[in-house]
Amino acid sequence: MAKEQWFDNISAKPTIIVQRTLRSGQNVNYDGNVVVLGDVNPGAEIVASGHVVVMGSLRGLVHAGATGEDSATVTALSLNPTQLRISSHITRPPDGSRPENSICPEIARIKEGAVVIEKYQAPK
C-alpha cells in the first residue's frame, strides 16, 4: 500500500479568505472552505461546507462540513470554541478548559464516529 501523499487531503471546494477578526454577531456562511486571518471571538459564527482554518484564536461557534461532509476539519492556532460542529457531530469544550492565552495549533476531525482534537502535525 502506497504512503498517503500530503496533497491527497486538499479539498477541491472553493476557498474564501477572511482578512479580519470576526466579532460577536458577525457570521460567515460559505459553500466551501473558510480561512480566517485573525481571531473568531465569542458570539461570532463560521459555517462552511468544507474545512475551516483560523490563523488566530477560535473562540466562537464553528461548523465545518455543514452539508454532511465527515472528512471536513477545523484547524486553529488556539482552538477554544464555544461550540464545534463537524457534519452532524456537535461538541463543546469541557468546563474549566485550558487558559485562553494557550497557543498550541490543533486540528479537530471525525475519527471512529466522534470528534477528536489533536495537536496539528504539518504534512511531511
PDB file of N, CA and C in Angstrom:
ATOM      1  N   MET A   1       0.845  -1.190   0.000  1.00  0.00           N
ATOM      2  CA  MET A   1       0.000   0.000   0.000  1.00  0.00           C
ATOM      3  C   MET A   1       0.883   1.243   0.000  1.00  0.00           C
ATOM      4  N   ALA A   2       0.626   2.168  -0.897  1.00  0.00           N
ATOM      5  CA  ALA A   2       1.436   3.376  -1.021  1.00  0.00           C
ATOM      6  C   ALA A   2       1.177   4.331   0.136  1.00  0.00           C
ATOM      7  N   LYS A   3       2.241   5.017   0.543  1.00  0.00           N
ATOM      8  CA  LYS A   3       2.113   6.025   1.598  1.00  0.00           C
ATOM      9  C   LYS A   3       1.261   7.181   1.087  1.00  0.00           C
ATOM     10  N   GLU A   4       0.352   7.663   1.935  1.00  0.00           N
ATOM     11  CA  GLU A   4      -0.528   8.767   1.541  1.00  0.00           C
ATOM     12  C   GLU A   4       0.284  10.035   1.303  1.00  0.00           C
ATOM     13  N   GLN A   5       0.025  10.697   0.215  1.00  0.00           N
ATOM     14  CA  GLN A   5       0.682  11.958  -0.089  1.00  0.00           C
ATOM     15  C   GLN A   5      -0.049  13.088   0.630  1.00  0.00           C
ATOM     16  N   TRP A   6       0.676  14.120   1.056  1.00  0.00           N
ATOM     17  CA  TRP A   6       0.052  15.218   1.785  1.00  0.00           C
ATOM     18  C   TRP A   6      -1.002  15.914   0.954  1.00  0.00           C
ATOM     19  N   PHE A   7      -0.858  15.949  -0.342  1.00  0.00           N
ATOM     20  CA  PHE A   7      -1.807  16.655  -1.191  1.00  0.00           C
ATOM     21  C   PHE A   7      -3.077  15.860  -1.449  1.00  0.00           C
ATOM     22  N   ASP A   8      -3.151  14.610  -0.996  1.00  0.00           N
ATOM     23  CA  ASP A   8      -4.371  13.826  -1.143  1.00  0.00           C
ATOM     24  C   ASP A   8      -5.513  14.395  -0.313  1.00  0.00           C
ATOM     25  N   ASN A   9      -5.187  15.183   0.715  1.00  0.00           N
ATOM     26  CA  ASN A   9      -6.200  15.724   1.617  1.00  0.00           C
ATOM     27  C   ASN A   9      -6.653  17.129   1.242  1.00  0.00           C
ATOM     28  N   ILE A  10      -6.147  17.667   0.147  1.00  0.00           N
ATOM     29  CA  ILE A  10      -6.536  19.008  -0.273  1.00  0.00           C
ATOM     30  C   ILE A  10      -7.957  18.971  -0.828  1.00  0.00           C
ATOM     31  N   SER A  11      -8.771  19.907  -0.393  1.00  0.00           N
ATOM     32  CA  SER A  11     -10.160  19.965  -0.822  1.00  0.00           C
ATOM     33  C   SER A  11     -10.268  20.628  -2.195  1.00  0.00           C
ATOM     34  N   ALA A  12     -11.158  20.088  -3.013  1.00  0.00           N
ATOM     35  CA  ALA A  12     -11.417  20.674  -4.330  1.00  0.00           C
ATOM     36  C   ALA A  12     -12.438  21.803  -4.253  1.00  0.00           C
ATOM     37  N   LYS A  13     -13.010  22.032  -3.066  1.00  0.00           N
ATOM     38  CA  LYS A  13     -14.021  23.078  -2.904  1.00  0.00           C
ATOM     39  C   LYS A  13     -13.369  24.467  -3.011  1.00  0.00           C
ATOM     40  N   PRO A  14     -14.137  25.479  -3.393  1.00  0.00           N
ATOM     41  CA  PRO A  14     -13.594  26.846  -3.410  1.00  0.00           C
ATOM     42  C   PRO A  14     -13.284  27.299  -1.982  1.00  0.00           C
ATOM     43  N   THR A  15     -12.401  28.282  -1.874  1.00  0.00           N
ATOM     44  CA  THR A  15     -11.964  28.775  -0.563  1.00  0.00           C
ATOM     45  C   THR A  15     -12.120  30.284  -0.505  1.00  0.00           C
ATOM     46  N   ILE A  16     -12.640  30.766   0.624  1.00  0.00           N
ATOM     47  CA  ILE A  16     -12.730  32.206   0.862  1.00  0.00           C
ATOM     48  C   ILE A  16     -11.742  32.548   1.981  1.00  0.00           C
ATOM     49  N   ILE A  17     -11.059  33.680   1.829  1.00  0.00           N
ATOM     50  CA  ILE A  17     -10.139  34.154   2.856  1.00  0.00           C
ATOM     51  C   ILE A  17     -10.739  35.396   3.484  1.00  0.00           C
ATOM     52  N   VAL A  18     -10.932  35.347   4.796  1.00  0.00           N
ATOM     53  CA  VAL A  18     -11.488  36.470   5.559  1.00  0.00           C
ATOM     54  C   VAL A  18     -10.313  37.144   6.255  1.00  0.00           C
ATOM     55  N   GLN A  19      -9.983  38.366   5.846  1.00  0.00           N
ATOM     56  CA  GLN A  19      -8.795  39.053   6.343  1.00  0.00           C
ATOM     57  C   GLN A  19      -9.137  40.035   7.455  1.00  0.00           C
ATOM     58  N   ARG A  20      -9.775  39.510   8.497  1.00  0.00           N
ATOM     59  CA  ARG A  20     -10.117  40.353   9.648  1.00  0.00           C
ATOM     60  C   ARG A  20     -10.557  39.459  10.810  1.00  0.00           C
ATOM     61  N   THR A  21     -10.603  40.031  11.978  1.00  0.00           N
ATOM     62  CA  THR A  21     -11.138  39.345  13.143  1.00  0.00           C
ATOM     63  C   THR A  21     -12.658  39.390  13.076  1.00  0.00           C
ATOM     64  N   LEU A  22     -13.295  38.256  13.381  1.00  0.00           N
ATOM     65  CA  LEU A  22     -14.760  38.208  13.430  1.00  0.00           C
ATOM     66  C   LEU A  22     -15.202  38.500  14.859  1.00  0.00           C
ATOM     67  N   ARG A  23     -16.049  39.484  15.003  1.00  0.00           N
ATOM     68  CA  ARG A  23     -16.529  39.904  16.326  1.00  0.00           C
ATOM     69  C   ARG A  23     -17.912  39.338  16.589  1.00  0.00           C
ATOM     70  N   SER A  24     -18.371  39.448  17.816  1.00  0.00           N
ATOM     71  CA  SER A  24     -19.684  38.946  18.211  1.00  0.00           C
ATOM     72  C   SER A  24     -20.761  39.484  17.277  1.00  0.00           C
ATOM     73  N   GLY A  25     -21.619  38.604  16.800  1.00  0.00           N
ATOM     74  CA  GLY A  25     -22.701  38.986  15.909  1.00  0.00           C
ATOM     75  C   GLY A  25     -22.351  38.872  14.435  1.00  0.00           C
ATOM     76  N   GLN A  26     -21.077  38.703  14.113  1.00  0.00           N
ATOM     77  CA  GLN A  26     -20.679  38.558  12.713  1.00  0.00           C
ATOM     78  C   GLN A  26     -20.687  37.082  12.326  1.00  0.00           C
ATOM     79  N   ASN A  27     -21.149  36.808  11.099  1.00  0.00           N
ATOM     80  CA  ASN A  27     -21.266  35.435  10.612  1.00  0.00           C
ATOM     81  C   ASN A  27     -20.622  35.306   9.244  1.00  0.00           C
ATOM     82  N   VAL A  28     -20.020  34.137   9.010  1.00  0.00           N
ATOM     83  CA  VAL A  28     -19.522  33.786   7.684  1.00  0.00           C
ATOM     84  C   VAL A  28     -20.186  32.469   7.321  1.00  0.00           C
ATOM     85  N   ASN A  29     -20.947  32.459   6.242  1.00  0.00           N
ATOM     86  CA  ASN A  29     -21.585  31.259   5.683  1.00  0.00           C
ATOM     87  C   ASN A  29     -21.015  31.073   4.297  1.00  0.00           C
ATOM     88  N   TYR A  30     -20.388  29.915   4.028  1.00  0.00           N
ATOM     89  CA  TYR A  30     -19.751  29.750   2.724  1.00  0.00           C
ATOM     90  C   TYR A  30     -19.834  28.302   2.266  1.00  0.00           C
ATOM     91  N   ASP A  31     -20.160  28.108   0.999  1.00  0.00           N
ATOM     92  CA  ASP A  31     -20.200  26.769   0.407  1.00  0.00           C
ATOM     93  C   ASP A  31     -18.808  26.434  -0.110  1.00  0.00           C
ATOM     94  N   GLY A  32     -17.952  26.051   0.805  1.00  0.00           N
ATOM     95  CA  GLY A  32     -16.560  25.744   0.503  1.00  0.00           C
ATOM     96  C   GLY A  32     -15.739  25.835   1.777  1.00  0.00           C
ATOM     97  N   ASN A  33     -14.442  26.085   1.620  1.00  0.00           N
ATOM     98  CA  ASN A  33     -13.522  26.204   2.754  1.00  0.00           C
ATOM     99  C   ASN A  33     -13.433  27.653   3.202  1.00  0.00           C
ATOM    100  N   VAL A  34     -13.198  27.861   4.500  1.00  0.00           N
ATOM    101  CA  VAL A  34     -13.055  29.209   5.050  1.00  0.00           C
ATOM    102  C   VAL A  34     -11.715  29.307   5.765  1.00  0.00           C
ATOM    103  N   VAL A  35     -10.924  30.333   5.418  1.00  0.00           N
ATOM    104  CA  VAL A  35      -9.676  30.635   6.101  1.00  0.00           C
ATOM    105  C   VAL A  35      -9.825  32.021   6.706  1.00  0.00           C
ATOM    106  N   VAL A  36      -9.607  32.134   8.011  1.00  0.00           N
ATOM    107  CA  VAL A  36      -9.710  33.427   8.697  1.00  0.00           C
ATOM    108  C   VAL A  36      -8.308  33.855   9.114  1.00  0.00           C
ATOM    109  N   LEU A  37      -7.893  35.033   8.646  1.00  0.00           N
ATOM    110  CA  LEU A  37      -6.608  35.612   9.036  1.00  0.00           C
ATOM    111  C   LEU A  37      -6.882  36.592  10.171  1.00  0.00           C
ATOM    112  N   GLY A  38      -7.126  36.058  11.349  1.00  0.00           N
ATOM    113  CA  GLY A  38      -7.488  36.833  12.529  1.00  0.00           C
ATOM    114  C   GLY A  38      -8.143  35.905  13.527  1.00  0.00           C
ATOM    115  N   ASP A  39      -8.805  36.486  14.503  1.00  0.00           N
ATOM    116  CA  ASP A  39      -9.479  35.713  15.546  1.00  0.00           C
ATOM    117  C   ASP A  39     -10.959  35.562  15.236  1.00  0.00           C
ATOM    118  N   VAL A  40     -11.581  34.596  15.892  1.00  0.00           N
ATOM    119  CA  VAL A  40     -13.037  34.432  15.857  1.00  0.00           C
ATOM    120  C   VAL A  40     -13.487  34.553  17.304  1.00  0.00           C
ATOM    121  N   ASN A  41     -14.065  35.699  17.644  1.00  0.00           N
ATOM    122  CA  ASN A  41     -14.445  35.985  19.027  1.00  0.00           C
ATOM    123  C   ASN A  41     -15.745  35.281  19.424  1.00  0.00           C
ATOM    124  N   PRO A  42     -15.985  35.113  20.726  1.00  0.00           N
ATOM    125  CA  PRO A  42     -17.254  34.536  21.173  1.00  0.00           C
ATOM    126  C   PRO A  42     -18.425  35.339  20.612  1.00  0.00           C
ATOM    127  N   GLY A  43     -19.450  34.635  20.150  1.00  0.00           N
ATOM    128  CA  GLY A  43     -20.615  35.277  19.547  1.00  0.00           C
ATOM    129  C   GLY A  43     -20.526  35.361  18.033  1.00  0.00           C
ATOM    130  N   ALA A  44     -19.337  35.128  17.463  1.00  0.00           N
ATOM    131  CA  ALA A  44     -19.168  35.085  16.002  1.00  0.00           C
ATOM    132  C   ALA A  44     -19.364  33.647  15.549  1.00  0.00           C
ATOM    133  N   GLU A  45     -19.787  33.466  14.287  1.00  0.00           N
ATOM    134  CA  GLU A  45     -20.059  32.124  13.769  1.00  0.00           C
ATOM    135  C   GLU A  45     -19.459  31.939  12.381  1.00  0.00           C
ATOM    136  N   ILE A  46     -18.942  30.732  12.160  1.00  0.00           N
ATOM    137  CA  ILE A  46     -18.488  30.331  10.829  1.00  0.00           C
ATOM    138  C   ILE A  46     -19.207  29.037  10.478  1.00  0.00           C
ATOM    139  N   VAL A  47     -19.849  29.010   9.321  1.00  0.00           N
ATOM    140  CA  VAL A  47     -20.488  27.796   8.808  1.00  0.00           C
ATOM    141  C   VAL A  47     -19.930  27.578   7.404  1.00  0.00           C
ATOM    142  N   ALA A  48     -19.302  26.414   7.194  1.00  0.00           N
ATOM    143  CA  ALA A  48     -18.685  26.108   5.902  1.00  0.00           C
ATOM    144  C   ALA A  48     -19.023  24.686   5.500  1.00  0.00           C
ATOM    145  N   SER A  49     -19.177  24.461   4.194  1.00  0.00           N
ATOM    146  CA  SER A  49     -19.415  23.089   3.736  1.00  0.00           C
ATOM    147  C   SER A  49     -18.112  22.297   3.699  1.00  0.00           C
ATOM    148  N   GLY A  50     -16.968  22.992   3.738  1.00  0.00           N
ATOM    149  CA  GLY A  50     -15.660  22.340   3.715  1.00  0.00           C
ATOM    150  C   GLY A  50     -14.912  22.541   5.019  1.00  0.00           C
ATOM    151  N   HIS A  51     -13.597  22.697   4.895  1.00  0.00           N
ATOM    152  CA  HIS A  51     -12.713  22.877   6.050  1.00  0.00           C
ATOM    153  C   HIS A  51     -12.769  24.312   6.567  1.00  0.00           C
ATOM    154  N   VAL A  52     -12.360  24.492   7.840  1.00  0.00           N
ATOM    155  CA  VAL A  52     -12.218  25.825   8.425  1.00  0.00           C
ATOM    156  C   VAL A  52     -10.817  25.912   9.028  1.00  0.00           C
ATOM    157  N   VAL A  53     -10.092  26.977   8.679  1.00  0.00           N
ATOM    158  CA  VAL A  53      -8.767  27.236   9.232  1.00  0.00           C
ATOM    159  C   VAL A  53      -8.778  28.644   9.811  1.00  0.00           C
ATOM    160  N   VAL A  54      -8.359  28.775  11.068  1.00  0.00           N
ATOM    161  CA  VAL A  54      -8.310  30.079  11.733  1.00  0.00           C
ATOM    162  C   VAL A  54      -6.867  30.345  12.135  1.00  0.00           C
ATOM    163  N   MET A  55      -6.282  31.371  11.545  1.00  0.00           N
ATOM    164  CA  MET A  55      -4.909  31.756  11.856  1.00  0.00           C
ATOM    165  C   MET A  55      -4.940  32.746  13.023  1.00  0.00           C
ATOM    166  N   GLY A  56      -5.439  32.276  14.140  1.00  0.00           N
ATOM    167  CA  GLY A  56      -5.594  33.068  15.349  1.00  0.00           C
ATOM    168  C   GLY A  56      -6.370  32.239  16.359  1.00  0.00           C
ATOM    169  N   SER A  57      -7.052  32.916  17.273  1.00  0.00           N
ATOM    170  CA  SER A  57      -7.840  32.240  18.307  1.00  0.00           C
ATOM    171  C   SER A  57      -9.255  31.996  17.825  1.00  0.00           C
ATOM    172  N   LEU A  58      -9.718  30.770  17.975  1.00  0.00           N
ATOM    173  CA  LEU A  58     -11.101  30.415  17.631  1.00  0.00           C
ATOM    174  C   LEU A  58     -11.869  30.243  18.931  1.00  0.00           C
ATOM    175  N   ARG A  59     -12.700  31.254  19.253  1.00  0.00           N
ATOM    176  CA  ARG A  59     -13.479  31.224  20.496  1.00  0.00           C
ATOM    177  C   ARG A  59     -14.968  31.360  20.245  1.00  0.00           C
ATOM    178  N   GLY A  60     -15.385  31.382  18.981  1.00  0.00           N
ATOM    179  CA  GLY A  60     -16.799  31.453  18.628  1.00  0.00           C
ATOM    180  C   GLY A  60     -17.326  30.089  18.239  1.00  0.00           C
ATOM    181  N   LEU A  61     -18.433  30.076  17.500  1.00  0.00           N
ATOM    182  CA  LEU A  61     -19.047  28.832  17.025  1.00  0.00           C
ATOM    183  C   LEU A  61     -18.522  28.531  15.633  1.00  0.00           C
ATOM    184  N   VAL A  62     -18.202  27.260  15.390  1.00  0.00           N
ATOM    185  CA  VAL A  62     -17.710  26.860  14.077  1.00  0.00           C
ATOM    186  C   VAL A  62     -18.405  25.569  13.650  1.00  0.00           C
ATOM    187  N   HIS A  63     -18.797  25.517  12.369  1.00  0.00           N
ATOM    188  CA  HIS A  63     -19.438  24.321  11.807  1.00  0.00           C
ATOM    189  C   HIS A  63     -18.775  24.041  10.456  1.00  0.00           C
ATOM    190  N   ALA A  64     -17.911  23.031  10.429  1.00  0.00           N
ATOM    191  CA  ALA A  64     -17.261  22.595   9.194  1.00  0.00           C
ATOM    192  C   ALA A  64     -18.032  21.400   8.641  1.00  0.00           C
ATOM    193  N   GLY A  65     -17.982  21.209   7.349  1.00  0.00           N
ATOM    194  CA  GLY A  65     -18.703  20.086   6.742  1.00  0.00           C
ATOM    195  C   GLY A  65     -20.194  20.203   6.934  1.00  0.00           C
ATOM    196  N   ALA A  66     -20.704  21.420   6.867  1.00  0.00           N
ATOM    197  CA  ALA A  66     -22.107  21.700   7.194  1.00  0.00           C
ATOM    198  C   ALA A  66     -23.108  20.983   6.292  1.00  0.00           C
ATOM    199  N   THR A  67     -22.668  20.535   5.132  1.00  0.00           N
ATOM    200  CA  THR A  67     -23.575  19.819   4.226  1.00  0.00           C
ATOM    201  C   THR A  67     -23.421  18.306   4.361  1.00  0.00           C
ATOM    202  N   GLY A  68     -22.820  17.864   5.467  1.00  0.00           N
ATOM    203  CA  GLY A  68     -22.713  16.435   5.736  1.00  0.00           C
ATOM    204  C   GLY A  68     -21.373  15.812   5.412  1.00  0.00           C
ATOM    205  N   GLU A  69     -20.347  16.609   5.248  1.00  0.00           N
ATOM    206  CA  GLU A  69     -19.027  16.108   4.895  1.00  0.00           C
ATOM    207  C   GLU A  69     -18.217  15.748   6.148  1.00  0.00           C
ATOM    208  N   ASP A  70     -18.181  14.447   6.485  1.00  0.00           N
ATOM    209  CA  ASP A  70     -17.461  13.975   7.670  1.00  0.00           C
ATOM    210  C   ASP A  70     -15.950  14.150   7.562  1.00  0.00           C
ATOM    211  N   SER A  71     -15.421  14.342   6.358  1.00  0.00           N
ATOM    212  CA  SER A  71     -13.975  14.482   6.187  1.00  0.00           C
ATOM    213  C   SER A  71     -13.495  15.913   6.454  1.00  0.00           C
ATOM    214  N   ALA A  72     -14.405  16.839   6.712  1.00  0.00           N
ATOM    215  CA  ALA A  72     -14.033  18.228   6.991  1.00  0.00           C
ATOM    216  C   ALA A  72     -13.276  18.318   8.316  1.00  0.00           C
ATOM    217  N   THR A  73     -12.436  19.343   8.425  1.00  0.00           N
ATOM    218  CA  THR A  73     -11.664  19.558   9.642  1.00  0.00           C
ATOM    219  C   THR A  73     -11.763  21.017  10.077  1.00  0.00           C
ATOM    220  N   VAL A  74     -11.418  21.262  11.346  1.00  0.00           N
ATOM    221  CA  VAL A  74     -11.304  22.619  11.890  1.00  0.00           C
ATOM    222  C   VAL A  74      -9.902  22.726  12.468  1.00  0.00           C
ATOM    223  N   THR A  75      -9.136  23.715  11.990  1.00  0.00           N
ATOM    224  CA  THR A  75      -7.766  23.913  12.451  1.00  0.00           C
ATOM    225  C   THR A  75      -7.631  25.348  12.931  1.00  0.00           C
ATOM    226  N   ALA A  76      -6.944  25.536  14.079  1.00  0.00           N
ATOM    227  CA  ALA A  76      -6.736  26.889  14.600  1.00  0.00           C
ATOM    228  C   ALA A  76      -5.446  26.938  15.412  1.00  0.00           C
ATOM    229  N   LEU A  77      -4.860  28.136  15.480  1.00  0.00           N
ATOM    230  CA  LEU A  77      -3.667  28.314  16.311  1.00  0.00           C
ATOM    231  C   LEU A  77      -4.012  28.161  17.786  1.00  0.00           C
ATOM    232  N   SER A  78      -5.197  28.597  18.168  1.00  0.00           N
ATOM    233  CA  SER A  78      -5.705  28.417  19.529  1.00  0.00           C
ATOM    234  C   SER A  78      -7.162  28.006  19.407  1.00  0.00           C
ATOM    235  N   LEU A  79      -7.446  26.740  19.686  1.00  0.00           N
ATOM    236  CA  LEU A  79      -8.774  26.162  19.463  1.00  0.00           C
ATOM    237  C   LEU A  79      -9.526  26.078  20.786  1.00  0.00           C
ATOM    238  N   ASN A  80     -10.445  27.002  20.995  1.00  0.00           N
ATOM    239  CA  ASN A  80     -11.239  27.041  22.222  1.00  0.00           C
ATOM    240  C   ASN A  80     -12.647  27.555  21.894  1.00  0.00           C
ATOM    241  N   PRO A  81     -13.372  26.871  20.981  1.00  0.00           N
ATOM    242  CA  PRO A  81     -14.675  27.373  20.529  1.00  0.00           C
ATOM    243  C   PRO A  81     -15.765  27.204  21.583  1.00  0.00           C
ATOM    244  N   THR A  82     -16.801  28.043  21.464  1.00  0.00           N
ATOM    245  CA  THR A  82     -17.962  27.862  22.330  1.00  0.00           C
ATOM    246  C   THR A  82     -18.722  26.608  21.924  1.00  0.00           C
ATOM    247  N   GLN A  83     -18.717  26.316  20.612  1.00  0.00           N
ATOM    248  CA  GLN A  83     -19.303  25.085  20.092  1.00  0.00           C
ATOM    249  C   GLN A  83     -18.588  24.728  18.799  1.00  0.00           C
ATOM    250  N   LEU A  84     -18.315  23.430  18.626  1.00  0.00           N
ATOM    251  CA  LEU A  84     -17.639  22.952  17.431  1.00  0.00           C
ATOM    252  C   LEU A  84     -18.492  21.863  16.805  1.00  0.00           C
ATOM    253  N   ARG A  85     -18.783  22.024  15.515  1.00  0.00           N
ATOM    254  CA  ARG A  85     -19.565  21.031  14.780  1.00  0.00           C
ATOM    255  C   ARG A  85     -18.780  20.607  13.552  1.00  0.00           C
ATOM    256  N   ILE A  86     -18.801  19.323  13.296  1.00  0.00           N
ATOM    257  CA  ILE A  86     -18.285  18.787  12.042  1.00  0.00           C
ATOM    258  C   ILE A  86     -19.358  17.859  11.519  1.00  0.00           C
ATOM    259  N   SER A  87     -19.883  18.180  10.345  1.00  0.00           N
ATOM    260  CA  SER A  87     -21.000  17.448   9.752  1.00  0.00           C
ATOM    261  C   SER A  87     -22.151  17.448  10.760  1.00  0.00           C
ATOM    262  N   SER A  88     -22.611  16.293  11.191  1.00  0.00           N
ATOM    263  CA  SER A  88     -23.722  16.232  12.150  1.00  0.00           C
ATOM    264  C   SER A  88     -23.239  16.019  13.581  1.00  0.00           C
ATOM    265  N   HIS A  89     -21.932  16.051  13.808  1.00  0.00           N
ATOM    266  CA  HIS A  89     -21.361  15.842  15.143  1.00  0.00           C
ATOM    267  C   HIS A  89     -21.190  17.191  15.841  1.00  0.00           C
ATOM    268  N   ILE A  90     -21.642  17.278  17.076  1.00  0.00           N
ATOM    269  CA  ILE A  90     -21.589  18.533  17.834  1.00  0.00           C
ATOM    270  C   ILE A  90     -20.846  18.297  19.143  1.00  0.00           C
ATOM    271  N   THR A  91     -19.968  19.230  19.496  1.00  0.00           N
ATOM    272  CA  THR A  91     -19.260  19.155  20.769  1.00  0.00           C
ATOM    273  C   THR A  91     -19.011  20.564  21.281  1.00  0.00           C
ATOM    274  N   ARG A  92     -18.665  20.658  22.519  1.00  0.00           N
ATOM    275  CA  ARG A  92     -18.253  21.931  23.110  1.00  0.00           C
ATOM    276  C   ARG A  92     -17.150  21.625  24.105  1.00  0.00           C
ATOM    277  N   PRO A  93     -16.320  22.617  24.457  1.00  0.00           N
ATOM    278  CA  PRO A  93     -15.218  22.332  25.375  1.00  0.00           C
ATOM    279  C   PRO A  93     -15.744  22.032  26.777  1.00  0.00           C
ATOM    280  N   PRO A  94     -15.027  21.202  27.520  1.00  0.00           N
ATOM    281  CA  PRO A  94     -15.442  20.929  28.895  1.00  0.00           C
ATOM    282  C   PRO A  94     -15.277  22.163  29.765  1.00  0.00           C
ATOM    283  N   ASP A  95     -16.043  22.230  30.859  1.00  0.00           N
ATOM    284  CA  ASP A  95     -15.885  23.341  31.793  1.00  0.00           C
ATOM    285  C   ASP A  95     -14.471  23.306  32.355  1.00  0.00           C
ATOM    286  N   GLY A  96     -13.904  24.491  32.557  1.00  0.00           N
ATOM    287  CA  GLY A  96     -12.548  24.566  33.096  1.00  0.00           C
ATOM    288  C   GLY A  96     -11.493  24.151  32.091  1.00  0.00           C
ATOM    289  N   SER A  97     -11.742  24.451  30.811  1.00  0.00           N
ATOM    290  CA  SER A  97     -10.766  24.087  29.785  1.00  0.00           C
ATOM    291  C   SER A  97      -9.507  24.939  29.946  1.00  0.00           C
ATOM    292  N   ARG A  98      -8.558  24.736  29.073  1.00  0.00           N
ATOM    293  CA  ARG A  98      -7.259  25.395  29.205  1.00  0.00           C
ATOM    294  C   ARG A  98      -7.380  26.920  29.147  1.00  0.00           C
ATOM    295  N   PRO A  99      -6.369  27.623  29.624  1.00  0.00           N
ATOM    296  CA  PRO A  99      -6.388  29.093  29.601  1.00  0.00           C
ATOM    297  C   PRO A  99      -6.472  29.622  28.178  1.00  0.00           C
ATOM    298  N   GLU A 100      -7.119  30.779  28.020  1.00  0.00           N
ATOM    299  CA  GLU A 100      -7.313  31.363  26.691  1.00  0.00           C
ATOM    300  C   GLU A 100      -6.013  31.793  26.033  1.00  0.00           C
ATOM    301  N   ASN A 101      -4.961  32.078  26.821  1.00  0.00           N
ATOM    302  CA  ASN A 101      -3.714  32.524  26.213  1.00  0.00           C
ATOM    303  C   ASN A 101      -2.828  31.359  25.776  1.00  0.00           C
ATOM    304  N   SER A 102      -3.319  30.135  25.919  1.00  0.00           N
ATOM    305  CA  SER A 102      -2.587  28.956  25.479  1.00  0.00           C
ATOM    306  C   SER A 102      -2.627  28.879  23.957  1.00  0.00           C
ATOM    307  N   ILE A 103      -1.448  28.887  23.330  1.00  0.00           N
ATOM    308  CA  ILE A 103      -1.401  28.782  21.878  1.00  0.00           C
ATOM    309  C   ILE A 103      -0.697  27.486  21.514  1.00  0.00           C
ATOM    310  N   CYS A 104      -1.472  26.588  20.977  1.00  0.00           N
ATOM    311  CA  CYS A 104      -0.977  25.295  20.532  1.00  0.00           C
ATOM    312  C   CYS A 104      -1.824  24.910  19.328  1.00  0.00           C
ATOM    313  N   PRO A 105      -1.285  24.994  18.113  1.00  0.00           N
ATOM    314  CA  PRO A 105      -2.099  24.682  16.935  1.00  0.00           C
ATOM    315  C   PRO A 105      -2.728  23.292  17.054  1.00  0.00           C
ATOM    316  N   GLU A 106      -4.036  23.228  16.793  1.00  0.00           N
ATOM    317  CA  GLU A 106      -4.763  21.967  16.908  1.00  0.00           C
ATOM    318  C   GLU A 106      -5.687  21.783  15.720  1.00  0.00           C
ATOM    319  N   ILE A 107      -6.062  20.527  15.498  1.00  0.00           N
ATOM    320  CA  ILE A 107      -6.992  20.184  14.431  1.00  0.00           C
ATOM    321  C   ILE A 107      -8.071  19.287  15.006  1.00  0.00           C
ATOM    322  N   ALA A 108      -9.323  19.588  14.652  1.00  0.00           N
ATOM    323  CA  ALA A 108     -10.464  18.764  15.062  1.00  0.00           C
ATOM    324  C   ALA A 108     -10.966  18.034  13.830  1.00  0.00           C
ATOM    325  N   ARG A 109     -11.248  16.751  13.994  1.00  0.00           N
ATOM    326  CA  ARG A 109     -11.748  15.932  12.890  1.00  0.00           C
ATOM    327  C   ARG A 109     -12.598  14.802  13.445  1.00  0.00           C
ATOM    328  N   ILE A 110     -13.291  14.093  12.558  1.00  0.00           N
ATOM    329  CA  ILE A 110     -14.093  12.935  12.950  1.00  0.00           C
ATOM    330  C   ILE A 110     -13.218  11.686  12.834  1.00  0.00           C
ATOM    331  N   LYS A 111     -13.142  10.933  13.917  1.00  0.00           N
ATOM    332  CA  LYS A 111     -12.452   9.642  13.916  1.00  0.00           C
ATOM    333  C   LYS A 111     -13.347   8.645  14.634  1.00  0.00           C
ATOM    334  N   GLU A 112     -13.634   7.557  13.966  1.00  0.00           N
ATOM    335  CA  GLU A 112     -14.457   6.487  14.534  1.00  0.00           C
ATOM    336  C   GLU A 112     -15.776   7.024  15.091  1.00  0.00           C
ATOM    337  N   GLY A 113     -16.387   7.954  14.365  1.00  0.00           N
ATOM    338  CA  GLY A 113     -17.697   8.465  14.719  1.00  0.00           C
ATOM    339  C   GLY A 113     -17.739   9.515  15.803  1.00  0.00           C
ATOM    340  N   ALA A 114     -16.585  10.028  16.229  1.00  0.00           N
ATOM    341  CA  ALA A 114     -16.553  11.045  17.286  1.00  0.00           C
ATOM    342  C   ALA A 114     -15.609  12.173  16.892  1.00  0.00           C
ATOM    343  N   VAL A 115     -15.857  13.359  17.437  1.00  0.00           N
ATOM    344  CA  VAL A 115     -14.966  14.490  17.206  1.00  0.00           C
ATOM    345  C   VAL A 115     -13.744  14.318  18.108  1.00  0.00           C
ATOM    346  N   VAL A 116     -12.560  14.354  17.499  1.00  0.00           N
ATOM    347  CA  VAL A 116     -11.321  14.306  18.266  1.00  0.00           C
ATOM    348  C   VAL A 116     -10.512  15.555  17.943  1.00  0.00           C
ATOM    349  N   ILE A 117      -9.770  16.027  18.936  1.00  0.00           N
ATOM    350  CA  ILE A 117      -8.919  17.204  18.774  1.00  0.00           C
ATOM    351  C   ILE A 117      -7.492  16.763  19.052  1.00  0.00           C
ATOM    352  N   GLU A 118      -6.613  17.064  18.091  1.00  0.00           N
ATOM    353  CA  GLU A 118      -5.220  16.644  18.195  1.00  0.00           C
ATOM    354  C   GLU A 118      -4.302  17.832  17.918  1.00  0.00           C
ATOM    355  N   LYS A 119      -3.054  17.743  18.388  1.00  0.00           N
ATOM    356  CA  LYS A 119      -2.070  18.739  18.016  1.00  0.00           C
ATOM    357  C   LYS A 119      -1.873  18.665  16.510  1.00  0.00           C
ATOM    358  N   TYR A 120      -1.749  19.824  15.893  1.00  0.00           N
ATOM    359  CA  TYR A 120      -1.562  19.878  14.446  1.00  0.00           C
ATOM    360  C   TYR A 120      -0.177  19.377  14.079  1.00  0.00           C
ATOM    361  N   GLN A 121      -0.105  18.479  13.129  1.00  0.00           N
ATOM    362  CA  GLN A 121       1.156  17.972  12.594  1.00  0.00           C
ATOM    363  C   GLN A 121       1.230  18.351  11.120  1.00  0.00           C
ATOM    364  N   ALA A 122       2.227  19.131  10.743  1.00  0.00           N
ATOM    365  CA  ALA A 122       2.367  19.538   9.351  1.00  0.00           C
ATOM    366  C   ALA A 122       2.645  18.317   8.486  1.00  0.00           C
ATOM    367  N   PRO A 123       2.090  18.286   7.263  1.00  0.00           N
ATOM    368  CA  PRO A 123       2.361  17.168   6.361  1.00  0.00           C
ATOM    369  C   PRO A 123       3.843  17.092   6.027  1.00  0.00           C
ATOM    370  N   LYS A 124       4.328  15.882   5.843  1.00  0.00           N
ATOM    371  CA  LYS A 124       5.757  15.686   5.537  1.00  0.00           C
ATOM    372  C   LYS A 124       5.952  15.402   4.077  1.00  0.00           C
TER     373      LYS A 124
END
